[in-house]
Amino acid sequence: MIRLERVSKIYESGGKKVEAVKDVSLHIKKGDIFGIIGFSGAGKSTLLRLVNLLERPTTGNIIVDNYDLNSISSKDLRQLRRKIGMIFQTFNLFNSRTVYGNIAYPLKLEKKSKEEIHQRVTELLQFVGLEDKADKFPEQLSGGQKQRVGIARALATSPDILLCDEATSALDPETTNEILNLLKKVNEEFNITILLITHEMNVIRKICNRVAVMENGRIIEEGEVFNIFSNPQEKTTKNFISSVVNEKLSSSLLEKLRKDHERKLYRIVFSGDTASQPILSTLTAKHNIHFNIIYGSINELQNQLFGNLIVEFIGADSQIEEVLKELTEIVEVREVTNGES
């Protein structure tokens, strides 16, 4: 559906070159909800704009719905853009138009009849839950309602792809959840491929099936959301994940734990079926040692459980080594160090 092959984007400013996107390759399949996460300045907004050619790549190839954007004609580009909807952080609604008028606008550009426009707008108002707001103006709406109008407008031309530019960052947590649920409904009912950018890992966790982490214009980690959460490789990824699963230990807390517990501490990550099995108690009983849980949490990701424990083992060193050996064959185990983030 969307394929980027070694794409770079370079801007020139004041005689200097700024490489906003550096050698990025991605494959986004039909029906994916694909998230791109990164801090401000990571290059994610530029990358999003490359997909509908609001920005042209300096190097590399972009193929969207079988169109090669490097050689696409103006006519084909107009046709492609009709199949790509876009949702913005700041809503980008026309303040002088009603809710009905905002949703109808792209249909008027396509010269649809009044009957066709009325039928489609009515359907979309019902879909986003704003049937009673048709005659209201944007200034009369809450932030969540404005974003629902934005989603309805983006869906007006029945797109195959939906691009979301920080679509929930201006909303409170409760409203964010409502909008994310609506986007998931869009994906499931219309099989629309969604590409979203965000700086909030909670957004990724709630609706995405795949994620790419950007830093300094590059993709530093990419894969299934569950795999990235359960086994992050890069420090930036670990920092994002710690913000939503509460697994980060500060250096001061680690220092205190060191004083309170003489033995080594280990982080054990349980995922899938292992999160509901008594693996730890079974193995420690087998080798006649005890364990002390220092910290623990459990989360649900893509309908699977993801557990995280920090434990201290108490017993003979040789027996502890046997437990660690057997544990690593079943779950992820790593020693907690002072440098861990």
C-alpha atoms as a PDB file:
ATOM      1  CA  MET A   1       0.000   0.000   0.000  1.00  0.00           C
ATOM      2  CA  ILE A   2       2.755   2.481   1.021  1.00  0.00           C
ATOM      3  CA  ARG A   3       6.407   1.739   0.374  1.00  0.00           C
ATOM      4  CA  LEU A   4       9.367   4.012   1.057  1.00  0.00           C
ATOM      5  CA  GLU A   5      12.738   2.966  -0.325  1.00  0.00           C
ATOM      6  CA  ARG A   6      15.813   4.765   1.031  1.00  0.00           C
ATOM      7  CA  VAL A   7      14.015   8.112   1.151  1.00  0.00           C
ATOM      8  CA  SER A   8      15.791  11.298   2.209  1.00  0.00           C
ATOM      9  CA  LYS A   9      14.629  14.909   2.369  1.00  0.00           C
ATOM     10  CA  ILE A  10      17.124  17.775   2.514  1.00  0.00           C
ATOM     11  CA  TYR A  11      16.211  21.430   3.066  1.00  0.00           C
ATOM     12  CA  GLU A  12      18.487  24.373   2.370  1.00  0.00           C
ATOM     13  CA  SER A  13      18.322  27.281   4.800  1.00  0.00           C
ATOM     14  CA  GLY A  14      20.749  30.169   5.039  1.00  0.00           C
ATOM     15  CA  GLY A  15      23.233  28.375   2.876  1.00  0.00           C
ATOM     16  CA  LYS A  16      23.146  25.313   5.103  1.00  0.00           C
ATOM     17  CA  LYS A  17      21.688  21.904   4.335  1.00  0.00           C
ATOM     18  CA  VAL A  18      19.366  20.262   6.849  1.00  0.00           C
ATOM     19  CA  GLU A  19      18.625  16.554   6.348  1.00  0.00           C
ATOM     20  CA  ALA A  20      15.165  16.148   7.873  1.00  0.00           C
ATOM     21  CA  VAL A  21      14.674  12.556   6.694  1.00  0.00           C
ATOM     22  CA  LYS A  22      17.659  10.254   6.251  1.00  0.00           C
ATOM     23  CA  ASP A  23      17.628   7.041   4.225  1.00  0.00           C
ATOM     24  CA  VAL A  24      14.238   5.804   5.460  1.00  0.00           C
ATOM     25  CA  SER A  25      12.746   2.534   4.211  1.00  0.00           C
ATOM     26  CA  LEU A  26       9.271   1.388   5.317  1.00  0.00           C
ATOM     27  CA  HIS A  27       6.540  -0.932   4.075  1.00  0.00           C
ATOM     28  CA  ILE A  28       3.012  -0.219   5.276  1.00  0.00           C
ATOM     29  CA  LYS A  29       0.500  -2.898   4.318  1.00  0.00           C
ATOM     30  CA  LYS A  30      -3.151  -2.511   3.402  1.00  0.00           C
ATOM     31  CA  GLY A  31      -5.254  -2.351   6.568  1.00  0.00           C
ATOM     32  CA  ASP A  32      -2.364  -1.460   8.891  1.00  0.00           C
ATOM     33  CA  ILE A  33      -2.608   1.121  11.623  1.00  0.00           C
ATOM     34  CA  PHE A  34       1.023   2.144  11.450  1.00  0.00           C
ATOM     35  CA  GLY A  35       2.443   4.600  13.975  1.00  0.00           C
ATOM     36  CA  ILE A  36       5.563   6.710  13.655  1.00  0.00           C
ATOM     37  CA  ILE A  37       6.777   8.031  16.999  1.00  0.00           C
ATOM     38  CA  GLY A  38       9.558  10.439  17.815  1.00  0.00           C
ATOM     39  CA  PHE A  39      10.409  13.573  19.735  1.00  0.00           C
ATOM     40  CA  SER A  40      10.057  17.042  18.204  1.00  0.00           C
ATOM     41  CA  GLY A  41      12.492  17.474  15.337  1.00  0.00           C
ATOM     42  CA  ALA A  42      12.796  13.741  14.670  1.00  0.00           C
ATOM     43  CA  GLY A  43      11.518  14.183  11.091  1.00  0.00           C
ATOM     44  CA  LYS A  44       8.173  12.413  11.436  1.00  0.00           C
ATOM     45  CA  SER A  45       6.008  15.307  10.148  1.00  0.00           C
ATOM     46  CA  THR A  46       8.222  15.684   7.093  1.00  0.00           C
ATOM     47  CA  LEU A  47       7.976  11.950   6.463  1.00  0.00           C
ATOM     48  CA  LEU A  48       4.178  12.093   6.635  1.00  0.00           C
ATOM     49  CA  ARG A  49       4.056  14.956   4.119  1.00  0.00           C
ATOM     50  CA  LEU A  50       6.190  12.974   1.693  1.00  0.00           C
ATOM     51  CA  VAL A  51       3.483  10.315   1.420  1.00  0.00           C
ATOM     52  CA  ASN A  52       1.008  12.626  -0.327  1.00  0.00           C
ATOM     53  CA  LEU A  53       3.739  14.672  -2.011  1.00  0.00           C
ATOM     54  CA  LEU A  54       3.153  17.858  -0.014  1.00  0.00           C
ATOM     55  CA  GLU A  55       6.941  17.527   0.195  1.00  0.00           C
ATOM     56  CA  ARG A  56       9.013  15.924  -2.553  1.00  0.00           C
ATOM     57  CA  PRO A  57      11.827  13.536  -1.612  1.00  0.00           C
ATOM     58  CA  THR A  58      15.379  14.604  -2.351  1.00  0.00           C
ATOM     59  CA  THR A  59      16.405  11.001  -2.965  1.00  0.00           C
ATOM     60  CA  GLY A  60      14.726   7.607  -2.814  1.00  0.00           C
ATOM     61  CA  ASN A  61      11.465   6.158  -4.071  1.00  0.00           C
ATOM     62  CA  ILE A  62       7.929   6.374  -2.678  1.00  0.00           C
ATOM     63  CA  ILE A  63       5.207   4.086  -3.992  1.00  0.00           C
ATOM     64  CA  VAL A  64       1.644   4.719  -2.816  1.00  0.00           C
ATOM     65  CA  ASP A  65      -1.198   2.509  -4.037  1.00  0.00           C
ATOM     66  CA  ASN A  66       0.957   1.435  -7.016  1.00  0.00           C
ATOM     67  CA  TYR A  67       1.778   5.037  -7.965  1.00  0.00           C
ATOM     68  CA  ASP A  68       5.482   5.895  -8.147  1.00  0.00           C
ATOM     69  CA  LEU A  69       5.556   9.435  -6.757  1.00  0.00           C
ATOM     70  CA  ASN A  70       8.861  10.229  -8.476  1.00  0.00           C
ATOM     71  CA  SER A  71       7.248   9.960 -11.912  1.00  0.00           C
ATOM     72  CA  ILE A  72       3.578  10.597 -11.200  1.00  0.00           C
ATOM     73  CA  SER A  73       1.721  12.967 -13.531  1.00  0.00           C
ATOM     74  CA  SER A  74      -0.261  15.942 -12.239  1.00  0.00           C
ATOM     75  CA  LYS A  75      -3.501  14.214 -13.248  1.00  0.00           C
ATOM     76  CA  ASP A  76      -2.602  10.994 -11.414  1.00  0.00           C
ATOM     77  CA  LEU A  77      -1.448  12.970  -8.372  1.00  0.00           C
ATOM     78  CA  ARG A  78      -4.846  14.654  -8.136  1.00  0.00           C
ATOM     79  CA  GLN A  79      -6.488  11.240  -8.415  1.00  0.00           C
ATOM     80  CA  LEU A  80      -4.207   9.791  -5.736  1.00  0.00           C
ATOM     81  CA  ARG A  81      -4.838  12.636  -3.306  1.00  0.00           C
ATOM     82  CA  ARG A  82      -8.574  11.957  -3.534  1.00  0.00           C
ATOM     83  CA  LYS A  83      -7.767   8.562  -2.032  1.00  0.00           C
ATOM     84  CA  ILE A  84      -5.699  10.015   0.818  1.00  0.00           C
ATOM     85  CA  GLY A  85      -7.490  11.730   3.702  1.00  0.00           C
ATOM     86  CA  MET A  86      -5.638  13.864   6.245  1.00  0.00           C
ATOM     87  CA  ILE A  87      -6.383  14.759   9.863  1.00  0.00           C
ATOM     88  CA  PHE A  88      -4.558  17.619  11.554  1.00  0.00           C
ATOM     89  CA  GLN A  89      -3.534  18.477  15.105  1.00  0.00           C
ATOM     90  CA  THR A  90      -5.183  21.917  14.866  1.00  0.00           C
ATOM     91  CA  PHE A  91      -8.302  20.537  13.090  1.00  0.00           C
ATOM     92  CA  ASN A  92      -7.966  22.970  10.103  1.00  0.00           C
ATOM     93  CA  LEU A  93     -11.711  23.542   9.854  1.00  0.00           C
ATOM     94  CA  PHE A  94     -13.293  26.445   7.983  1.00  0.00           C
ATOM     95  CA  ASN A  95     -14.610  28.744  10.724  1.00  0.00           C
ATOM     96  CA  SER A  96     -17.063  30.390   8.325  1.00  0.00           C
ATOM     97  CA  ARG A  97     -18.691  27.067   7.411  1.00  0.00           C
ATOM     98  CA  THR A  98     -21.000  24.899   9.484  1.00  0.00           C
ATOM     99  CA  VAL A  99     -20.168  21.334  10.447  1.00  0.00           C
ATOM    100  CA  TYR A 100     -22.258  20.226   7.453  1.00  0.00           C
ATOM    101  CA  GLY A 101     -20.420  22.674   5.194  1.00  0.00           C
ATOM    102  CA  ASN A 102     -16.980  21.535   6.346  1.00  0.00           C
ATOM    103  CA  ILE A 103     -17.752  17.883   5.626  1.00  0.00           C
ATOM    104  CA  ALA A 104     -19.422  18.730   2.315  1.00  0.00           C
ATOM    105  CA  TYR A 105     -16.510  20.856   1.063  1.00  0.00           C
ATOM    106  CA  PRO A 106     -14.362  18.092  -0.551  1.00  0.00           C
ATOM    107  CA  LEU A 107     -17.485  16.650  -2.177  1.00  0.00           C
ATOM    108  CA  LYS A 108     -18.302  20.020  -3.712  1.00  0.00           C
ATOM    109  CA  LEU A 109     -14.779  20.144  -5.132  1.00  0.00           C
ATOM    110  CA  GLU A 110     -15.548  16.844  -6.828  1.00  0.00           C
ATOM    111  CA  LYS A 111     -18.727  18.407  -8.226  1.00  0.00           C
ATOM    112  CA  LYS A 112     -21.043  15.907  -6.594  1.00  0.00           C
ATOM    113  CA  SER A 113     -24.772  16.585  -6.800  1.00  0.00           C
ATOM    114  CA  LYS A 114     -26.642  18.090  -3.862  1.00  0.00           C
ATOM    115  CA  GLU A 115     -28.411  14.780  -3.323  1.00  0.00           C
ATOM    116  CA  GLU A 116     -25.122  12.839  -3.258  1.00  0.00           C
ATOM    117  CA  ILE A 117     -23.564  15.382  -0.905  1.00  0.00           C
ATOM    118  CA  HIS A 118     -26.517  15.333   1.474  1.00  0.00           C
ATOM    119  CA  GLN A 119     -26.570  11.536   1.612  1.00  0.00           C
ATOM    120  CA  ARG A 120     -22.814  11.241   2.238  1.00  0.00           C
ATOM    121  CA  VAL A 121     -22.640  14.026   4.840  1.00  0.00           C
ATOM    122  CA  THR A 122     -25.632  12.584   6.698  1.00  0.00           C
ATOM    123  CA  GLU A 123     -23.965   9.150   6.766  1.00  0.00           C
ATOM    124  CA  LEU A 124     -20.716  10.599   8.089  1.00  0.00           C
ATOM    125  CA  LEU A 125     -22.393  12.743  10.740  1.00  0.00           C
ATOM    126  CA  GLN A 126     -24.045   9.607  12.064  1.00  0.00           C
ATOM    127  CA  PHE A 127     -20.780   7.651  11.882  1.00  0.00           C
ATOM    128  CA  VAL A 128     -18.855  10.189  13.996  1.00  0.00           C
ATOM    129  CA  GLY A 129     -21.772  10.828  16.364  1.00  0.00           C
ATOM    130  CA  LEU A 130     -22.512  14.450  15.447  1.00  0.00           C
ATOM    131  CA  GLU A 131     -25.999  14.202  13.929  1.00  0.00           C
ATOM    132  CA  ASP A 132     -27.210  17.044  16.143  1.00  0.00           C
ATOM    133  CA  LYS A 133     -24.284  19.371  15.295  1.00  0.00           C
ATOM    134  CA  ALA A 134     -24.794  19.750  11.535  1.00  0.00           C
ATOM    135  CA  ASP A 135     -25.750  23.446  11.743  1.00  0.00           C
ATOM    136  CA  LYS A 136     -23.171  24.418  14.368  1.00  0.00           C
ATOM    137  CA  PHE A 137     -19.991  26.373  13.591  1.00  0.00           C
ATOM    138  CA  PRO A 138     -16.515  25.229  14.734  1.00  0.00           C
ATOM    139  CA  GLU A 139     -16.343  27.864  17.478  1.00  0.00           C
ATOM    140  CA  GLN A 140     -19.397  26.250  19.073  1.00  0.00           C
ATOM    141  CA  LEU A 141     -17.704  22.836  19.338  1.00  0.00           C
ATOM    142  CA  SER A 142     -15.341  21.225  21.811  1.00  0.00           C
ATOM    143  CA  GLY A 143     -11.914  20.045  20.718  1.00  0.00           C
ATOM    144  CA  GLY A 144     -13.066  16.455  20.460  1.00  0.00           C
ATOM    145  CA  GLN A 145     -16.083  17.442  18.390  1.00  0.00           C
ATOM    146  CA  LYS A 146     -13.886  19.486  16.045  1.00  0.00           C
ATOM    147  CA  GLN A 147     -11.637  16.480  15.508  1.00  0.00           C
ATOM    148  CA  ARG A 148     -14.678  14.316  14.770  1.00  0.00           C
ATOM    149  CA  VAL A 149     -15.630  16.831  12.072  1.00  0.00           C
ATOM    150  CA  GLY A 150     -12.074  16.622  10.756  1.00  0.00           C
ATOM    151  CA  ILE A 151     -12.308  12.835  10.580  1.00  0.00           C
ATOM    152  CA  ALA A 152     -15.690  12.986   8.831  1.00  0.00           C
ATOM    153  CA  ARG A 153     -14.335  15.483   6.295  1.00  0.00           C
ATOM    154  CA  ALA A 154     -11.289  13.265   5.670  1.00  0.00           C
ATOM    155  CA  LEU A 155     -13.627  10.316   5.017  1.00  0.00           C
ATOM    156  CA  ALA A 156     -15.934  12.237   2.672  1.00  0.00           C
ATOM    157  CA  THR A 157     -14.276  11.050  -0.550  1.00  0.00           C
ATOM    158  CA  SER A 158     -14.011   7.420   0.648  1.00  0.00           C
ATOM    159  CA  PRO A 159     -10.195   7.334   0.884  1.00  0.00           C
ATOM    160  CA  ASP A 160      -8.041   4.218   1.042  1.00  0.00           C
ATOM    161  CA  ILE A 161      -5.436   5.894   3.274  1.00  0.00           C
ATOM    162  CA  LEU A 162      -5.769   8.208   6.264  1.00  0.00           C
ATOM    163  CA  LEU A 163      -2.810  10.328   7.390  1.00  0.00           C
ATOM    164  CA  CYS A 164      -2.991  11.595  10.976  1.00  0.00           C
ATOM    165  CA  ASP A 165      -0.677  14.433  11.997  1.00  0.00           C
ATOM    166  CA  GLU A 166      -0.593  14.437  15.839  1.00  0.00           C
ATOM    167  CA  ALA A 167      -4.382  14.069  15.707  1.00  0.00           C
ATOM    168  CA  THR A 168      -4.840  13.772  19.497  1.00  0.00           C
ATOM    169  CA  SER A 169      -2.048  15.896  20.979  1.00  0.00           C
ATOM    170  CA  ALA A 170      -4.345  18.910  21.547  1.00  0.00           C
ATOM    171  CA  LEU A 171      -6.951  16.808  23.389  1.00  0.00           C
ATOM    172  CA  ASP A 172      -7.414  15.729  27.004  1.00  0.00           C
ATOM    173  CA  PRO A 173      -6.868  12.021  27.870  1.00  0.00           C
ATOM    174  CA  GLU A 174     -10.555  11.059  27.890  1.00  0.00           C
ATOM    175  CA  THR A 175     -11.233  12.739  24.545  1.00  0.00           C
ATOM    176  CA  THR A 176      -8.030  11.239  23.145  1.00  0.00           C
ATOM    177  CA  ASN A 177      -9.359   7.761  23.935  1.00  0.00           C
ATOM    178  CA  GLU A 178     -12.648   8.570  22.200  1.00  0.00           C
ATOM    179  CA  ILE A 179     -10.876   9.765  19.050  1.00  0.00           C
ATOM    180  CA  LEU A 180      -8.552   6.751  19.035  1.00  0.00           C
ATOM    181  CA  ASN A 181     -11.551   4.430  19.335  1.00  0.00           C
ATOM    182  CA  LEU A 182     -13.164   6.243  16.409  1.00  0.00           C
ATOM    183  CA  LEU A 183     -10.008   5.841  14.299  1.00  0.00           C
ATOM    184  CA  LYS A 184      -9.930   2.145  15.117  1.00  0.00           C
ATOM    185  CA  LYS A 185     -13.575   1.936  14.020  1.00  0.00           C
ATOM    186  CA  VAL A 186     -12.623   3.662  10.743  1.00  0.00           C
ATOM    187  CA  ASN A 187      -9.897   1.086  10.168  1.00  0.00           C
ATOM    188  CA  GLU A 188     -12.056  -1.932  11.009  1.00  0.00           C
ATOM    189  CA  GLU A 189     -15.282  -0.952   9.237  1.00  0.00           C
ATOM    190  CA  PHE A 190     -13.810   0.620   6.093  1.00  0.00           C
ATOM    191  CA  ASN A 191     -10.473  -1.264   5.939  1.00  0.00           C
ATOM    192  CA  ILE A 192      -8.711   2.088   5.619  1.00  0.00           C
ATOM    193  CA  THR A 193      -4.948   2.053   6.077  1.00  0.00           C
ATOM    194  CA  ILE A 194      -3.951   4.576   8.762  1.00  0.00           C
ATOM    195  CA  LEU A 195      -0.520   6.165   9.051  1.00  0.00           C
ATOM    196  CA  LEU A 196      -0.199   8.342  12.125  1.00  0.00           C
ATOM    197  CA  ILE A 197       2.583  10.298  13.737  1.00  0.00           C
ATOM    198  CA  THR A 198       2.728  11.037  17.430  1.00  0.00           C
ATOM    199  CA  HIS A 199       5.054  11.716  20.337  1.00  0.00           C
ATOM    200  CA  GLU A 200       2.796   9.749  22.720  1.00  0.00           C
ATOM    201  CA  MET A 201       3.522   6.044  23.173  1.00  0.00           C
ATOM    202  CA  ASN A 202       0.083   5.593  24.705  1.00  0.00           C
ATOM    203  CA  VAL A 203      -1.435   6.348  21.283  1.00  0.00           C
ATOM    204  CA  ILE A 204       0.760   3.663  19.706  1.00  0.00           C
ATOM    205  CA  ARG A 205      -0.169   1.148  22.394  1.00  0.00           C
ATOM    206  CA  LYS A 206      -3.911   1.691  22.048  1.00  0.00           C
ATOM    207  CA  ILE A 207      -4.519   1.346  18.314  1.00  0.00           C
ATOM    208  CA  CYS A 208      -1.400   0.573  16.239  1.00  0.00           C
ATOM    209  CA  ASN A 209      -0.368  -2.873  15.067  1.00  0.00           C
ATOM    210  CA  ARG A 210       3.053  -1.707  13.820  1.00  0.00           C
ATOM    211  CA  VAL A 211       5.341   1.132  14.878  1.00  0.00           C
ATOM    212  CA  ALA A 212       8.524   2.842  13.724  1.00  0.00           C
ATOM    213  CA  VAL A 213      10.653   4.943  16.080  1.00  0.00           C
ATOM    214  CA  MET A 214      12.336   7.996  14.534  1.00  0.00           C
ATOM    215  CA  GLU A 215      15.353   9.878  15.822  1.00  0.00           C
ATOM    216  CA  ASN A 216      17.343  12.563  14.008  1.00  0.00           C
ATOM    217  CA  GLY A 217      15.614  11.786  10.720  1.00  0.00           C
ATOM    218  CA  ARG A 218      16.249   8.045  10.820  1.00  0.00           C
ATOM    219  CA  ILE A 219      14.172   4.988  11.675  1.00  0.00           C
ATOM    220  CA  ILE A 220      16.046   3.439  14.605  1.00  0.00           C
ATOM    221  CA  GLU A 221      13.586   0.624  15.393  1.00  0.00           C
ATOM    222  CA  GLU A 222      10.529  -0.824  13.669  1.00  0.00           C
ATOM    223  CA  GLY A 223       8.214  -3.797  14.047  1.00  0.00           C
ATOM    224  CA  GLU A 224       5.036  -5.215  15.581  1.00  0.00           C
ATOM    225  CA  VAL A 225       3.870  -3.123  18.539  1.00  0.00           C
ATOM    226  CA  PHE A 226       3.816  -6.104  20.907  1.00  0.00           C
ATOM    227  CA  ASN A 227       7.379  -7.097  19.992  1.00  0.00           C
ATOM    228  CA  ILE A 228       8.673  -3.533  20.356  1.00  0.00           C
ATOM    229  CA  PHE A 229       7.019  -3.133  23.767  1.00  0.00           C
ATOM    230  CA  SER A 230       8.136  -6.508  25.083  1.00  0.00           C
ATOM    231  CA  ASN A 231      11.706  -6.302  23.803  1.00  0.00           C
ATOM    232  CA  PRO A 232      12.823  -2.752  22.894  1.00  0.00           C
ATOM    233  CA  GLN A 233      16.388  -2.460  21.602  1.00  0.00           C
ATOM    234  CA  GLU A 234      17.143   1.266  21.470  1.00  0.00           C
ATOM    235  CA  LYS A 235      17.405   3.680  24.407  1.00  0.00           C
ATOM    236  CA  THR A 236      14.910   6.117  22.865  1.00  0.00           C
ATOM    237  CA  THR A 237      12.390   3.310  22.403  1.00  0.00           C
ATOM    238  CA  LYS A 238      12.871   2.175  25.995  1.00  0.00           C
ATOM    239  CA  ASN A 239      12.260   5.732  27.216  1.00  0.00           C
ATOM    240  CA  PHE A 240       9.011   6.001  25.241  1.00  0.00           C
ATOM    241  CA  ILE A 241       7.811   2.637  26.528  1.00  0.00           C
ATOM    242  CA  SER A 242       8.701   3.400  30.132  1.00  0.00           C
ATOM    243  CA  SER A 243       6.359   6.387  29.990  1.00  0.00           C
ATOM    244  CA  VAL A 244       3.331   4.097  29.622  1.00  0.00           C
ATOM    245  CA  VAL A 245       4.302   0.850  31.355  1.00  0.00           C
ATOM    246  CA  ASN A 246       6.012   2.483  34.351  1.00  0.00           C
ATOM    247  CA  GLU A 247       9.063   0.262  34.092  1.00  0.00           C
ATOM    248  CA  LYS A 248      11.677   2.969  34.431  1.00  0.00           C
ATOM    249  CA  LEU A 249      13.764   2.976  37.598  1.00  0.00           C
ATOM    250  CA  SER A 250      15.511   6.197  38.526  1.00  0.00           C
ATOM    251  CA  SER A 251      19.167   6.085  39.545  1.00  0.00           C
ATOM    252  CA  SER A 252      18.214   7.263  43.051  1.00  0.00           C
ATOM    253  CA  LEU A 253      15.695   4.440  43.430  1.00  0.00           C
ATOM    254  CA  LEU A 254      18.235   1.924  42.145  1.00  0.00           C
ATOM    255  CA  GLU A 255      20.764   3.203  44.679  1.00  0.00           C
ATOM    256  CA  LYS A 256      18.226   2.743  47.466  1.00  0.00           C
ATOM    257  CA  LEU A 257      17.414  -0.764  46.257  1.00  0.00           C
ATOM    258  CA  ARG A 258      21.111  -1.582  46.278  1.00  0.00           C
ATOM    259  CA  LYS A 259      21.335  -0.591  49.927  1.00  0.00           C
ATOM    260  CA  ASP A 260      18.250  -2.577  50.875  1.00  0.00           C
ATOM    261  CA  HIS A 261      19.105  -5.678  48.834  1.00  0.00           C
ATOM    262  CA  GLU A 262      22.626  -7.067  48.741  1.00  0.00           C
ATOM    263  CA  ARG A 263      22.019  -9.559  45.951  1.00  0.00           C
ATOM    264  CA  LYS A 264      21.700  -8.823  42.238  1.00  0.00           C
ATOM    265  CA  LEU A 265      18.349  -7.669  40.903  1.00  0.00           C
ATOM    266  CA  TYR A 266      16.861  -9.079  37.697  1.00  0.00           C
ATOM    267  CA  ARG A 267      14.183  -7.822  35.359  1.00  0.00           C
ATOM    268  CA  ILE A 268      11.915 -10.586  34.041  1.00  0.00           C
ATOM    269  CA  VAL A 269       9.644  -9.797  31.090  1.00  0.00           C
ATOM    270  CA  PHE A 270       6.643 -12.079  30.584  1.00  0.00           C
ATOM    271  CA  SER A 271       4.616 -11.914  27.387  1.00  0.00           C
ATOM    272  CA  GLY A 272       1.688 -13.767  25.894  1.00  0.00           C
ATOM    273  CA  ASP A 273       0.808 -17.038  27.635  1.00  0.00           C
ATOM    274  CA  THR A 274       3.842 -16.871  29.945  1.00  0.00           C
ATOM    275  CA  ALA A 275       2.321 -13.849  31.729  1.00  0.00           C
ATOM    276  CA  SER A 276      -0.438 -16.039  33.199  1.00  0.00           C
ATOM    277  CA  GLN A 277       1.692 -19.043  34.165  1.00  0.00           C
ATOM    278  CA  PRO A 278       3.399 -19.641  37.565  1.00  0.00           C
ATOM    279  CA  ILE A 279       6.822 -19.957  35.942  1.00  0.00           C
ATOM    280  CA  LEU A 280       8.789 -18.082  38.590  1.00  0.00           C
ATOM    281  CA  SER A 281       7.314 -19.898  41.584  1.00  0.00           C
ATOM    282  CA  THR A 282       7.626 -23.286  39.866  1.00  0.00           C
ATOM    283  CA  LEU A 283      11.325 -22.894  39.020  1.00  0.00           C
ATOM    284  CA  THR A 284      12.369 -21.434  42.354  1.00  0.00           C
ATOM    285  CA  ALA A 285      10.580 -24.215  44.230  1.00  0.00           C
ATOM    286  CA  LYS A 286      12.235 -26.788  41.986  1.00  0.00           C
ATOM    287  CA  HIS A 287      15.712 -25.482  42.874  1.00  0.00           C
ATOM    288  CA  ASN A 288      14.913 -24.751  46.522  1.00  0.00           C
ATOM    289  CA  ILE A 289      15.475 -20.986  46.469  1.00  0.00           C
ATOM    290  CA  HIS A 290      13.239 -18.023  47.291  1.00  0.00           C
ATOM    291  CA  PHE A 291      12.448 -14.861  45.374  1.00  0.00           C
ATOM    292  CA  ASN A 292      11.476 -11.372  46.464  1.00  0.00           C
ATOM    293  CA  ILE A 293       9.439  -9.190  44.087  1.00  0.00           C
ATOM    294  CA  ILE A 294      10.802  -5.635  44.232  1.00  0.00           C
ATOM    295  CA  TYR A 295       8.617  -4.158  41.513  1.00  0.00           C
ATOM    296  CA  GLY A 296       5.915  -5.425  39.158  1.00  0.00           C
ATOM    297  CA  SER A 297       3.409  -4.350  36.518  1.00  0.00           C
ATOM    298  CA  ILE A 298       1.186  -5.954  33.906  1.00  0.00           C
ATOM    299  CA  ASN A 299      -0.308  -4.398  30.777  1.00  0.00           C
ATOM    300  CA  GLU A 300      -2.462  -5.521  27.865  1.00  0.00           C
ATOM    301  CA  LEU A 301      -1.108  -5.058  24.343  1.00  0.00           C
ATOM    302  CA  GLN A 302      -2.979  -6.178  21.229  1.00  0.00           C
ATOM    303  CA  ASN A 303      -5.092  -8.546  23.337  1.00  0.00           C
ATOM    304  CA  GLN A 304      -2.001 -10.111  24.887  1.00  0.00           C
ATOM    305  CA  LEU A 305      -0.626  -9.726  28.410  1.00  0.00           C
ATOM    306  CA  PHE A 306       2.775  -8.141  28.936  1.00  0.00           C
ATOM    307  CA  GLY A 307       4.241  -8.455  32.451  1.00  0.00           C
ATOM    308  CA  ASN A 308       7.341  -6.890  33.945  1.00  0.00           C
ATOM    309  CA  LEU A 309       8.916  -7.916  37.274  1.00  0.00           C
ATOM    310  CA  ILE A 310      12.068  -6.916  39.117  1.00  0.00           C
ATOM    311  CA  VAL A 311      13.088  -9.637  41.556  1.00  0.00           C
ATOM    312  CA  GLU A 312      15.818 -10.639  43.978  1.00  0.00           C
ATOM    313  CA  PHE A 313      16.720 -14.341  44.284  1.00  0.00           C
ATOM    314  CA  ILE A 314      17.664 -15.693  47.709  1.00  0.00           C
ATOM    315  CA  GLY A 315      19.594 -18.942  47.991  1.00  0.00           C
ATOM    316  CA  ALA A 316      22.807 -20.678  46.943  1.00  0.00           C
ATOM    317  CA  ASP A 317      24.579 -19.037  43.991  1.00  0.00           C
ATOM    318  CA  SER A 318      24.740 -22.308  42.066  1.00  0.00           C
ATOM    319  CA  GLN A 319      21.007 -22.843  42.427  1.00  0.00           C
ATOM    320  CA  ILE A 320      20.267 -19.249  41.390  1.00  0.00           C
ATOM    321  CA  GLU A 321      22.357 -19.788  38.257  1.00  0.00           C
ATOM    322  CA  GLU A 322      20.270 -22.861  37.409  1.00  0.00           C
ATOM    323  CA  VAL A 323      17.053 -20.889  37.825  1.00  0.00           C
ATOM    324  CA  LEU A 324      18.356 -18.072  35.597  1.00  0.00           C
ATOM    325  CA  LYS A 325      19.453 -20.576  32.965  1.00  0.00           C
ATOM    326  CA  GLU A 326      16.024 -22.204  32.822  1.00  0.00           C
ATOM    327  CA  LEU A 327      14.174 -18.889  32.977  1.00  0.00           C
ATOM    328  CA  THR A 328      16.044 -17.479  29.960  1.00  0.00           C
ATOM    329  CA  GLU A 329      14.776 -20.414  27.910  1.00  0.00           C
ATOM    330  CA  ILE A 330      11.189 -19.322  28.579  1.00  0.00           C
ATOM    331  CA  VAL A 331      11.152 -15.546  29.169  1.00  0.00           C
ATOM    332  CA  GLU A 332      13.423 -12.531  28.824  1.00  0.00           C
ATOM    333  CA  VAL A 333      15.749 -12.055  31.818  1.00  0.00           C
ATOM    334  CA  ARG A 334      18.361  -9.349  32.307  1.00  0.00           C
ATOM    335  CA  GLU A 335      20.256  -7.989  35.273  1.00  0.00           C
ATOM    336  CA  VAL A 336      19.184  -4.553  36.466  1.00  0.00           C
ATOM    337  CA  THR A 337      22.152  -2.199  36.384  1.00  0.00           C
ATOM    338  CA  ASN A 338      22.634   1.359  37.637  1.00  0.00           C
ATOM    339  CA  GLY A 339      22.806   2.552  34.053  1.00  0.00           C
ATOM    340  CA  GLU A 340      19.434   1.104  33.085  1.00  0.00           C
ATOM    341  CA  SER A 341      16.812   3.557  31.895  1.00  0.00           C
END
